[in-house]
Amino acid sequence: MRLLKAEDHRRMPWKNGGGETVEIVVHPPETGLGGFDWRVSMATVAADGPFSPFPGIDRTLALLDGEGMDLAVEGHGSHRLTPGSPPLAFPGDAPAAARLVAGAITDLNVMTRRIACRQRVTRLRGTVPPFAAGGRWIILVAVAPSAVMVDGRTVSLGGRDALLLEGGATIAGDGILDLVVIEIDPVGPS
């Protein structure tokens, strides 16, 4: 189990230069935007505009805060994302554009290279029963400060802190949770 503190997340410009991304964790470590098998990041979107294209990448977005965003993904329709809506999966190579509902939002972005990995993203909010997370890699991102029980061990996370786990785990709240659970598996034999 590795704690990834919010103040240690790496900041870099968006691929299209339109803003800044906050990289939480990437695999393999220290790979650039062209070499990762999977990547978890956050971004503040402050203006309407196109998303950067990522050929061969599957993406999932979850809104962490803000009033909402309408995301139009070519061939996959238009979707209203809010902090209360489920995470949205879509192909990163499909042209996509965002329109903000009422001001800036912060999103969580999970990207996996289609030929290398697959992903599942779940938002846990409130008092939740134990959640069995599978996956070769499990990343827990605290939307708000949360006391999380991982296999019976309590870990206190500040807002935007993350935990990186390897192998399955049972996750529960020691009180109220606001947490995004990301499960990533390799494609084919591991």
C-alpha atoms as a PDB file:
ATOM      1  CA  MET A   1       0.000   0.000   0.000  1.00  0.00           C
ATOM      2  CA  ARG A   2       1.464   3.338  -1.072  1.00  0.00           C
ATOM      3  CA  LEU A   3       0.065   6.703   0.068  1.00  0.00           C
ATOM      4  CA  LEU A   4       0.134   9.388  -2.638  1.00  0.00           C
ATOM      5  CA  LYS A   5      -0.261  12.785  -0.964  1.00  0.00           C
ATOM      6  CA  ALA A   6      -2.057  15.530  -2.895  1.00  0.00           C
ATOM      7  CA  GLU A   7       0.805  17.997  -2.438  1.00  0.00           C
ATOM      8  CA  ASP A   8       3.198  15.535  -4.137  1.00  0.00           C
ATOM      9  CA  HIS A   9       1.105  15.017  -7.304  1.00  0.00           C
ATOM     10  CA  ARG A  10       2.963  16.124 -10.449  1.00  0.00           C
ATOM     11  CA  ARG A  11       1.646  19.131 -12.419  1.00  0.00           C
ATOM     12  CA  MET A  12       2.055  19.454 -16.198  1.00  0.00           C
ATOM     13  CA  PRO A  13       0.383  21.159 -19.167  1.00  0.00           C
ATOM     14  CA  TRP A  14      -2.463  19.437 -21.012  1.00  0.00           C
ATOM     15  CA  LYS A  15      -1.485  17.702 -24.227  1.00  0.00           C
ATOM     16  CA  ASN A  16      -3.412  20.386 -26.184  1.00  0.00           C
ATOM     17  CA  GLY A  17      -1.912  23.229 -24.089  1.00  0.00           C
ATOM     18  CA  GLY A  18      -5.354  24.429 -22.928  1.00  0.00           C
ATOM     19  CA  GLY A  19      -4.814  23.939 -19.199  1.00  0.00           C
ATOM     20  CA  GLU A  20      -2.978  22.005 -16.514  1.00  0.00           C
ATOM     21  CA  THR A  21      -3.252  18.403 -15.381  1.00  0.00           C
ATOM     22  CA  VAL A  22      -2.313  17.029 -11.977  1.00  0.00           C
ATOM     23  CA  GLU A  23      -0.881  13.538 -12.384  1.00  0.00           C
ATOM     24  CA  ILE A  24      -1.691  11.314  -9.400  1.00  0.00           C
ATOM     25  CA  VAL A  25       0.004   8.116 -10.589  1.00  0.00           C
ATOM     26  CA  VAL A  26       1.197   6.587 -13.858  1.00  0.00           C
ATOM     27  CA  HIS A  27       2.407   3.125 -14.870  1.00  0.00           C
ATOM     28  CA  PRO A  28       5.129   2.426 -15.741  1.00  0.00           C
ATOM     29  CA  PRO A  29       6.452   5.139 -13.421  1.00  0.00           C
ATOM     30  CA  GLU A  30       8.039   8.236 -14.957  1.00  0.00           C
ATOM     31  CA  THR A  31       6.574   7.640 -18.435  1.00  0.00           C
ATOM     32  CA  GLY A  32       5.400  10.554 -20.505  1.00  0.00           C
ATOM     33  CA  LEU A  33       2.002  11.056 -22.119  1.00  0.00           C
ATOM     34  CA  GLY A  34       2.960   8.746 -24.983  1.00  0.00           C
ATOM     35  CA  GLY A  35       4.371   5.803 -23.024  1.00  0.00           C
ATOM     36  CA  PHE A  36       1.999   4.912 -20.183  1.00  0.00           C
ATOM     37  CA  ASP A  37      -0.021   1.699 -19.835  1.00  0.00           C
ATOM     38  CA  TRP A  38      -2.331   3.525 -17.409  1.00  0.00           C
ATOM     39  CA  ARG A  39      -2.582   6.976 -15.877  1.00  0.00           C
ATOM     40  CA  VAL A  40      -4.752   8.662 -13.228  1.00  0.00           C
ATOM     41  CA  SER A  41      -4.926  12.459 -13.172  1.00  0.00           C
ATOM     42  CA  MET A  42      -7.111  15.445 -12.273  1.00  0.00           C
ATOM     43  CA  ALA A  43      -7.746  18.666 -14.127  1.00  0.00           C
ATOM     44  CA  THR A  44      -9.611  21.890 -13.573  1.00  0.00           C
ATOM     45  CA  VAL A  45     -11.608  22.766 -16.662  1.00  0.00           C
ATOM     46  CA  ALA A  46     -12.326  26.508 -16.648  1.00  0.00           C
ATOM     47  CA  ALA A  47     -13.527  27.057 -20.240  1.00  0.00           C
ATOM     48  CA  ASP A  48     -15.474  25.257 -22.949  1.00  0.00           C
ATOM     49  CA  GLY A  49     -13.368  23.472 -25.534  1.00  0.00           C
ATOM     50  CA  PRO A  50     -12.060  20.283 -27.120  1.00  0.00           C
ATOM     51  CA  PHE A  51     -10.456  17.407 -25.246  1.00  0.00           C
ATOM     52  CA  SER A  52      -6.973  16.253 -26.227  1.00  0.00           C
ATOM     53  CA  PRO A  53      -7.094  13.178 -28.473  1.00  0.00           C
ATOM     54  CA  PHE A  54      -5.446  10.010 -27.139  1.00  0.00           C
ATOM     55  CA  PRO A  55      -5.338   7.344 -29.886  1.00  0.00           C
ATOM     56  CA  GLY A  56      -5.526   3.767 -28.544  1.00  0.00           C
ATOM     57  CA  ILE A  57      -6.555   4.955 -25.067  1.00  0.00           C
ATOM     58  CA  ASP A  58      -9.768   4.253 -23.135  1.00  0.00           C
ATOM     59  CA  ARG A  59     -10.812   7.042 -20.764  1.00  0.00           C
ATOM     60  CA  THR A  60     -13.174   7.398 -17.829  1.00  0.00           C
ATOM     61  CA  LEU A  61     -14.111  10.777 -16.355  1.00  0.00           C
ATOM     62  CA  ALA A  62     -15.659  11.441 -12.962  1.00  0.00           C
ATOM     63  CA  LEU A  63     -16.565  14.962 -11.862  1.00  0.00           C
ATOM     64  CA  LEU A  64     -15.153  15.783  -8.427  1.00  0.00           C
ATOM     65  CA  ASP A  65     -16.623  19.263  -8.019  1.00  0.00           C
ATOM     66  CA  GLY A  66     -18.398  22.054  -9.847  1.00  0.00           C
ATOM     67  CA  GLU A  67     -21.887  22.435 -11.290  1.00  0.00           C
ATOM     68  CA  GLY A  68     -21.354  20.143 -14.249  1.00  0.00           C
ATOM     69  CA  MET A  69     -20.094  19.677 -17.763  1.00  0.00           C
ATOM     70  CA  ASP A  70     -21.775  18.543 -20.973  1.00  0.00           C
ATOM     71  CA  LEU A  71     -19.401  16.244 -22.840  1.00  0.00           C
ATOM     72  CA  ALA A  72     -20.070  15.482 -26.509  1.00  0.00           C
ATOM     73  CA  VAL A  73     -18.135  12.432 -27.736  1.00  0.00           C
ATOM     74  CA  GLU A  74     -18.284  11.780 -31.474  1.00  0.00           C
ATOM     75  CA  GLY A  75     -20.147   8.522 -32.106  1.00  0.00           C
ATOM     76  CA  HIS A  76     -21.039   8.166 -28.407  1.00  0.00           C
ATOM     77  CA  GLY A  77     -23.533  10.975 -27.810  1.00  0.00           C
ATOM     78  CA  SER A  78     -23.720  13.867 -25.370  1.00  0.00           C
ATOM     79  CA  HIS A  79     -23.523  13.351 -21.627  1.00  0.00           C
ATOM     80  CA  ARG A  80     -24.116  15.639 -18.654  1.00  0.00           C
ATOM     81  CA  LEU A  81     -21.503  14.961 -15.973  1.00  0.00           C
ATOM     82  CA  THR A  82     -22.037  16.195 -12.419  1.00  0.00           C
ATOM     83  CA  PRO A  83     -20.442  15.214  -9.120  1.00  0.00           C
ATOM     84  CA  GLY A  84     -23.511  13.008  -8.529  1.00  0.00           C
ATOM     85  CA  SER A  85     -23.454  11.217 -11.899  1.00  0.00           C
ATOM     86  CA  PRO A  86     -21.650   7.915 -12.452  1.00  0.00           C
ATOM     87  CA  PRO A  87     -18.204   8.012 -14.094  1.00  0.00           C
ATOM     88  CA  LEU A  88     -18.338   8.095 -17.913  1.00  0.00           C
ATOM     89  CA  ALA A  89     -16.196   5.740 -20.028  1.00  0.00           C
ATOM     90  CA  PHE A  90     -15.390   6.615 -23.655  1.00  0.00           C
ATOM     91  CA  PRO A  91     -12.643   6.019 -26.240  1.00  0.00           C
ATOM     92  CA  GLY A  92      -9.876   8.606 -26.038  1.00  0.00           C
ATOM     93  CA  ASP A  93      -9.449   8.576 -29.814  1.00  0.00           C
ATOM     94  CA  ALA A  94     -13.029   9.793 -30.394  1.00  0.00           C
ATOM     95  CA  PRO A  95     -13.173  13.601 -30.773  1.00  0.00           C
ATOM     96  CA  ALA A  96     -14.741  15.095 -27.637  1.00  0.00           C
ATOM     97  CA  ALA A  97     -15.658  18.618 -26.555  1.00  0.00           C
ATOM     98  CA  ALA A  98     -16.850  20.016 -23.241  1.00  0.00           C
ATOM     99  CA  ARG A  99     -19.319  22.766 -22.417  1.00  0.00           C
ATOM    100  CA  LEU A 100     -19.407  23.911 -18.808  1.00  0.00           C
ATOM    101  CA  VAL A 101     -22.814  24.184 -17.139  1.00  0.00           C
ATOM    102  CA  ALA A 102     -21.984  27.042 -14.735  1.00  0.00           C
ATOM    103  CA  GLY A 103     -18.316  27.718 -14.056  1.00  0.00           C
ATOM    104  CA  ALA A 104     -15.179  25.658 -13.609  1.00  0.00           C
ATOM    105  CA  ILE A 105     -15.174  21.972 -12.686  1.00  0.00           C
ATOM    106  CA  THR A 106     -12.539  19.516 -11.488  1.00  0.00           C
ATOM    107  CA  ASP A 107     -12.509  16.094 -13.089  1.00  0.00           C
ATOM    108  CA  LEU A 108     -10.730  12.831 -12.390  1.00  0.00           C
ATOM    109  CA  ASN A 109      -9.412  11.222 -15.563  1.00  0.00           C
ATOM    110  CA  VAL A 110      -8.451   7.534 -15.806  1.00  0.00           C
ATOM    111  CA  MET A 111      -6.676   6.449 -18.999  1.00  0.00           C
ATOM    112  CA  THR A 112      -5.634   2.933 -20.011  1.00  0.00           C
ATOM    113  CA  ARG A 113      -3.837   1.827 -23.161  1.00  0.00           C
ATOM    114  CA  ARG A 114      -6.417  -0.410 -24.842  1.00  0.00           C
ATOM    115  CA  ILE A 115      -3.932  -3.120 -25.885  1.00  0.00           C
ATOM    116  CA  ALA A 116      -2.355  -3.258 -22.399  1.00  0.00           C
ATOM    117  CA  CYS A 117      -5.046  -2.728 -19.722  1.00  0.00           C
ATOM    118  CA  ARG A 118      -8.728  -2.424 -18.916  1.00  0.00           C
ATOM    119  CA  GLN A 119     -10.339  -0.323 -16.181  1.00  0.00           C
ATOM    120  CA  ARG A 120     -13.364  -0.063 -13.900  1.00  0.00           C
ATOM    121  CA  VAL A 121     -14.149   3.169 -12.058  1.00  0.00           C
ATOM    122  CA  THR A 122     -16.661   3.384  -9.185  1.00  0.00           C
ATOM    123  CA  ARG A 123     -17.611   6.319  -6.956  1.00  0.00           C
ATOM    124  CA  LEU A 124     -18.372   5.454  -3.306  1.00  0.00           C
ATOM    125  CA  ARG A 125     -20.308   8.173  -1.438  1.00  0.00           C
ATOM    126  CA  GLY A 126     -21.855   8.251   2.005  1.00  0.00           C
ATOM    127  CA  THR A 127     -22.037   5.258   4.302  1.00  0.00           C
ATOM    128  CA  VAL A 128     -21.222   2.273   2.119  1.00  0.00           C
ATOM    129  CA  PRO A 129     -21.103  -1.464   2.742  1.00  0.00           C
ATOM    130  CA  PRO A 130     -17.737  -3.186   2.252  1.00  0.00           C
ATOM    131  CA  PHE A 131     -16.680  -3.020  -1.406  1.00  0.00           C
ATOM    132  CA  ALA A 132     -14.580  -5.849  -2.873  1.00  0.00           C
ATOM    133  CA  ALA A 133     -12.089  -4.325  -5.296  1.00  0.00           C
ATOM    134  CA  GLY A 134     -10.280  -6.619  -7.689  1.00  0.00           C
ATOM    135  CA  GLY A 135      -7.655  -5.718 -10.189  1.00  0.00           C
ATOM    136  CA  ARG A 136      -3.904  -5.985 -10.468  1.00  0.00           C
ATOM    137  CA  TRP A 137      -3.748  -2.326  -9.443  1.00  0.00           C
ATOM    138  CA  ILE A 138      -6.292  -0.496  -7.291  1.00  0.00           C
ATOM    139  CA  ILE A 139      -6.151   3.264  -6.872  1.00  0.00           C
ATOM    140  CA  LEU A 140      -8.349   4.988  -4.277  1.00  0.00           C
ATOM    141  CA  VAL A 141      -8.738   8.759  -4.722  1.00  0.00           C
ATOM    142  CA  ALA A 142     -10.291  10.719  -1.841  1.00  0.00           C
ATOM    143  CA  VAL A 143     -12.649  13.360  -3.200  1.00  0.00           C
ATOM    144  CA  ALA A 144     -12.980  14.731   0.343  1.00  0.00           C
ATOM    145  CA  PRO A 145     -11.106  13.794   3.519  1.00  0.00           C
ATOM    146  CA  SER A 146     -12.037  10.208   4.356  1.00  0.00           C
ATOM    147  CA  ALA A 147     -11.106   7.482   6.815  1.00  0.00           C
ATOM    148  CA  VAL A 148     -10.881   4.371   4.653  1.00  0.00           C
ATOM    149  CA  MET A 149     -10.633   0.804   5.875  1.00  0.00           C
ATOM    150  CA  VAL A 150      -8.527  -1.366   3.551  1.00  0.00           C
ATOM    151  CA  ASP A 151      -8.608  -5.025   4.557  1.00  0.00           C
ATOM    152  CA  GLY A 152      -9.467  -3.955   8.120  1.00  0.00           C
ATOM    153  CA  ARG A 153      -6.703  -1.322   8.425  1.00  0.00           C
ATOM    154  CA  THR A 154      -7.851   2.314   8.746  1.00  0.00           C
ATOM    155  CA  VAL A 155      -6.040   4.903   6.624  1.00  0.00           C
ATOM    156  CA  SER A 156      -6.836   8.633   6.874  1.00  0.00           C
ATOM    157  CA  LEU A 157      -6.801  10.405   3.514  1.00  0.00           C
ATOM    158  CA  GLY A 158      -6.886  14.135   2.954  1.00  0.00           C
ATOM    159  CA  GLY A 159      -8.875  15.545   0.059  1.00  0.00           C
ATOM    160  CA  ARG A 160      -7.282  14.508  -3.275  1.00  0.00           C
ATOM    161  CA  ASP A 161      -4.869  12.071  -1.541  1.00  0.00           C
ATOM    162  CA  ALA A 162      -4.711   8.605  -3.098  1.00  0.00           C
ATOM    163  CA  LEU A 163      -3.734   5.065  -2.178  1.00  0.00           C
ATOM    164  CA  LEU A 164      -2.102   2.659  -4.632  1.00  0.00           C
ATOM    165  CA  LEU A 165      -2.739  -1.008  -3.866  1.00  0.00           C
ATOM    166  CA  GLU A 166      -1.678  -4.134  -5.715  1.00  0.00           C
ATOM    167  CA  GLY A 167      -3.987  -7.151  -5.821  1.00  0.00           C
ATOM    168  CA  GLY A 168      -7.517  -7.349  -4.445  1.00  0.00           C
ATOM    169  CA  ALA A 169      -8.727  -5.511  -1.349  1.00  0.00           C
ATOM    170  CA  THR A 170     -11.887  -4.997   0.669  1.00  0.00           C
ATOM    171  CA  ILE A 171     -12.678  -1.317   1.116  1.00  0.00           C
ATOM    172  CA  ALA A 172     -15.061   0.141   3.681  1.00  0.00           C
ATOM    173  CA  GLY A 173     -15.653   3.479   5.314  1.00  0.00           C
ATOM    174  CA  ASP A 174     -14.874   4.341   8.878  1.00  0.00           C
ATOM    175  CA  GLY A 175     -17.778   6.812   8.686  1.00  0.00           C
ATOM    176  CA  ILE A 176     -18.828   8.768   5.583  1.00  0.00           C
ATOM    177  CA  LEU A 177     -16.823   8.207   2.370  1.00  0.00           C
ATOM    178  CA  ASP A 178     -16.357  10.241  -0.781  1.00  0.00           C
ATOM    179  CA  LEU A 179     -13.976   8.102  -2.743  1.00  0.00           C
ATOM    180  CA  VAL A 180     -13.285   7.024  -6.320  1.00  0.00           C
ATOM    181  CA  VAL A 181     -12.150   3.395  -6.679  1.00  0.00           C
ATOM    182  CA  ILE A 182     -10.168   2.564  -9.821  1.00  0.00           C
ATOM    183  CA  GLU A 183      -9.505  -1.074 -10.687  1.00  0.00           C
ATOM    184  CA  ILE A 184      -7.003  -1.823 -13.475  1.00  0.00           C
ATOM    185  CA  ASP A 185      -6.129  -5.214 -14.936  1.00  0.00           C
ATOM    186  CA  PRO A 186      -3.634  -6.136 -17.642  1.00  0.00           C
ATOM    187  CA  VAL A 187      -5.105  -7.448 -20.889  1.00  0.00           C
ATOM    188  CA  GLY A 188      -4.107 -11.065 -21.530  1.00  0.00           C
ATOM    189  CA  PRO A 189      -1.610 -13.062 -19.457  1.00  0.00           C
ATOM    190  CA  SER A 190       0.054 -11.120 -16.659  1.00  0.00           C
END
